[in-house]
């Protein structure tokens, strides 16, 4: 049986494509969590070691590496990155559009 599959162009932000109101913030949080997870994997840290470094419970580490966006504020994710030895720089710049957007980049 053949079924037609509909394709839709992506905006580049899955959360926007799914209709979330705060799509930019969610994408930024997802990228912050991805960066934290990369550091944890590169250093081969255990959940207990991560919990100690970040001053959180081990159960929260599990939620973090599973990408539970709603469990963590952007402020906490930034604090986690600095606790893991990363500098976090926030840049505010002009935009030609009516409203700005939030992005996270890794250098």
C-alpha atoms as a PDB file:
ATOM      1  CA  UNK A   1       0.000   0.000   0.000  1.00  0.00           C
ATOM      2  CA  UNK A   2       1.445   3.374  -1.017  1.00  0.00           C
ATOM      3  CA  UNK A   3       0.865   6.404   1.148  1.00  0.00           C
ATOM      4  CA  UNK A   4       1.608   9.953   0.174  1.00  0.00           C
ATOM      5  CA  UNK A   5       3.935  11.691   2.591  1.00  0.00           C
ATOM      6  CA  UNK A   6       3.611  15.431   3.055  1.00  0.00           C
ATOM      7  CA  UNK A   7       6.792  17.440   3.518  1.00  0.00           C
ATOM      8  CA  UNK A   8       6.913  20.898   5.035  1.00  0.00           C
ATOM      9  CA  UNK A   9       9.875  23.274   5.005  1.00  0.00           C
ATOM     10  CA  UNK A  10      11.508  23.825   8.387  1.00  0.00           C
ATOM     11  CA  UNK A  11      12.041  27.222   9.939  1.00  0.00           C
ATOM     12  CA  UNK A  12      15.327  25.936  11.351  1.00  0.00           C
ATOM     13  CA  UNK A  13      13.794  25.785  14.831  1.00  0.00           C
ATOM     14  CA  UNK A  14      11.904  22.578  15.616  1.00  0.00           C
ATOM     15  CA  UNK A  15      10.125  24.264  18.530  1.00  0.00           C
ATOM     16  CA  UNK A  16       8.806  26.987  16.230  1.00  0.00           C
ATOM     17  CA  UNK A  17       7.740  24.357  13.705  1.00  0.00           C
ATOM     18  CA  UNK A  18       5.777  22.616  16.469  1.00  0.00           C
ATOM     19  CA  UNK A  19       4.062  25.873  17.448  1.00  0.00           C
ATOM     20  CA  UNK A  20       5.692  26.633  20.792  1.00  0.00           C
ATOM     21  CA  UNK A  21       5.282  30.271  21.882  1.00  0.00           C
ATOM     22  CA  UNK A  22       8.764  30.520  23.385  1.00  0.00           C
ATOM     23  CA  UNK A  23      10.507  28.629  20.573  1.00  0.00           C
ATOM     24  CA  UNK A  24      13.687  30.747  20.575  1.00  0.00           C
ATOM     25  CA  UNK A  25      14.176  30.284  24.309  1.00  0.00           C
ATOM     26  CA  UNK A  26      13.569  26.542  24.064  1.00  0.00           C
ATOM     27  CA  UNK A  27      16.072  26.213  21.219  1.00  0.00           C
ATOM     28  CA  UNK A  28      18.640  28.200  23.218  1.00  0.00           C
ATOM     29  CA  UNK A  29      18.103  25.980  26.268  1.00  0.00           C
ATOM     30  CA  UNK A  30      18.434  22.873  24.103  1.00  0.00           C
ATOM     31  CA  UNK A  31      21.776  24.140  22.789  1.00  0.00           C
ATOM     32  CA  UNK A  32      23.008  24.962  26.305  1.00  0.00           C
ATOM     33  CA  UNK A  33      22.073  21.453  27.447  1.00  0.00           C
ATOM     34  CA  UNK A  34      23.806  19.996  24.382  1.00  0.00           C
ATOM     35  CA  UNK A  35      26.993  21.873  25.266  1.00  0.00           C
ATOM     36  CA  UNK A  36      26.814  20.661  28.884  1.00  0.00           C
ATOM     37  CA  UNK A  37      26.272  17.086  27.728  1.00  0.00           C
ATOM     38  CA  UNK A  38      29.266  17.272  25.375  1.00  0.00           C
ATOM     39  CA  UNK A  39      31.493  18.417  28.252  1.00  0.00           C
ATOM     40  CA  UNK A  40      30.223  15.609  30.489  1.00  0.00           C
ATOM     41  CA  UNK A  41      30.882  13.023  27.769  1.00  0.00           C
ATOM     42  CA  UNK A  42      34.325  14.387  26.868  1.00  0.00           C
ATOM     43  CA  UNK A  43      35.417  14.334  30.499  1.00  0.00           C
ATOM     44  CA  UNK A  44      33.765  10.935  31.072  1.00  0.00           C
ATOM     45  CA  UNK A  45      32.156  12.219  34.254  1.00  0.00           C
ATOM     46  CA  UNK A  46      29.818  10.046  36.280  1.00  0.00           C
ATOM     47  CA  UNK A  47      26.393  11.318  37.316  1.00  0.00           C
ATOM     48  CA  UNK A  48      27.691  11.646  40.866  1.00  0.00           C
ATOM     49  CA  UNK A  49      30.696  13.717  39.750  1.00  0.00           C
ATOM     50  CA  UNK A  50      28.454  15.982  37.682  1.00  0.00           C
ATOM     51  CA  UNK A  51      26.043  16.400  40.596  1.00  0.00           C
ATOM     52  CA  UNK A  52      28.915  17.444  42.857  1.00  0.00           C
ATOM     53  CA  UNK A  53      30.324  19.912  40.318  1.00  0.00           C
ATOM     54  CA  UNK A  54      26.936  21.460  39.530  1.00  0.00           C
ATOM     55  CA  UNK A  55      25.648  21.293  43.115  1.00  0.00           C
ATOM     56  CA  UNK A  56      22.487  19.455  42.106  1.00  0.00           C
ATOM     57  CA  UNK A  57      20.951  16.065  42.879  1.00  0.00           C
ATOM     58  CA  UNK A  58      21.961  13.013  40.827  1.00  0.00           C
ATOM     59  CA  UNK A  59      18.353  12.680  39.658  1.00  0.00           C
ATOM     60  CA  UNK A  60      18.607  16.188  38.209  1.00  0.00           C
ATOM     61  CA  UNK A  61      21.748  15.184  36.294  1.00  0.00           C
ATOM     62  CA  UNK A  62      19.744  12.393  34.665  1.00  0.00           C
ATOM     63  CA  UNK A  63      17.021  14.879  33.684  1.00  0.00           C
ATOM     64  CA  UNK A  64      19.659  17.277  32.364  1.00  0.00           C
ATOM     65  CA  UNK A  65      21.372  14.784  30.066  1.00  0.00           C
ATOM     66  CA  UNK A  66      17.968  13.577  28.866  1.00  0.00           C
ATOM     67  CA  UNK A  67      17.305  17.138  27.686  1.00  0.00           C
ATOM     68  CA  UNK A  68      14.417  17.982  30.002  1.00  0.00           C
ATOM     69  CA  UNK A  69      14.201  21.645  28.963  1.00  0.00           C
ATOM     70  CA  UNK A  70      11.379  22.617  31.279  1.00  0.00           C
ATOM     71  CA  UNK A  71      13.217  21.391  34.383  1.00  0.00           C
ATOM     72  CA  UNK A  72      16.020  23.964  34.120  1.00  0.00           C
ATOM     73  CA  UNK A  73      16.084  27.728  33.747  1.00  0.00           C
ATOM     74  CA  UNK A  74      18.432  29.425  31.321  1.00  0.00           C
ATOM     75  CA  UNK A  75      20.173  30.973  34.344  1.00  0.00           C
ATOM     76  CA  UNK A  76      20.843  27.541  35.843  1.00  0.00           C
ATOM     77  CA  UNK A  77      22.166  26.184  32.544  1.00  0.00           C
ATOM     78  CA  UNK A  78      24.571  29.117  32.287  1.00  0.00           C
ATOM     79  CA  UNK A  79      25.666  28.516  35.887  1.00  0.00           C
ATOM     80  CA  UNK A  80      26.264  24.836  35.058  1.00  0.00           C
ATOM     81  CA  UNK A  81      28.480  25.774  32.115  1.00  0.00           C
ATOM     82  CA  UNK A  82      30.595  28.093  34.248  1.00  0.00           C
ATOM     83  CA  UNK A  83      30.849  25.403  36.939  1.00  0.00           C
ATOM     84  CA  UNK A  84      32.204  23.110  34.212  1.00  0.00           C
ATOM     85  CA  UNK A  85      34.886  25.676  33.379  1.00  0.00           C
ATOM     86  CA  UNK A  86      33.323  27.438  30.416  1.00  0.00           C
ATOM     87  CA  UNK A  87      32.974  31.168  29.892  1.00  0.00           C
ATOM     88  CA  UNK A  88      29.518  32.284  28.797  1.00  0.00           C
ATOM     89  CA  UNK A  89      29.217  35.558  26.908  1.00  0.00           C
ATOM     90  CA  UNK A  90      25.865  37.232  26.299  1.00  0.00           C
ATOM     91  CA  UNK A  91      25.780  39.680  23.395  1.00  0.00           C
ATOM     92  CA  UNK A  92      22.967  42.168  22.805  1.00  0.00           C
ATOM     93  CA  UNK A  93      22.816  43.586  19.289  1.00  0.00           C
ATOM     94  CA  UNK A  94      20.480  45.562  17.064  1.00  0.00           C
ATOM     95  CA  UNK A  95      18.112  43.753  14.740  1.00  0.00           C
ATOM     96  CA  UNK A  96      16.363  45.040  11.631  1.00  0.00           C
ATOM     97  CA  UNK A  97      13.176  43.152  12.538  1.00  0.00           C
ATOM     98  CA  UNK A  98      10.455  44.285  14.924  1.00  0.00           C
ATOM     99  CA  UNK A  99      11.335  41.730  17.586  1.00  0.00           C
ATOM    100  CA  UNK A 100      14.663  40.106  18.330  1.00  0.00           C
ATOM    101  CA  UNK A 101      15.537  36.466  18.837  1.00  0.00           C
ATOM    102  CA  UNK A 102      17.660  34.398  21.176  1.00  0.00           C
ATOM    103  CA  UNK A 103      20.501  32.285  19.801  1.00  0.00           C
ATOM    104  CA  UNK A 104      23.328  30.275  21.338  1.00  0.00           C
ATOM    105  CA  UNK A 105      26.623  29.809  19.524  1.00  0.00           C
ATOM    106  CA  UNK A 106      29.710  27.849  20.468  1.00  0.00           C
ATOM    107  CA  UNK A 107      33.149  29.234  19.693  1.00  0.00           C
END
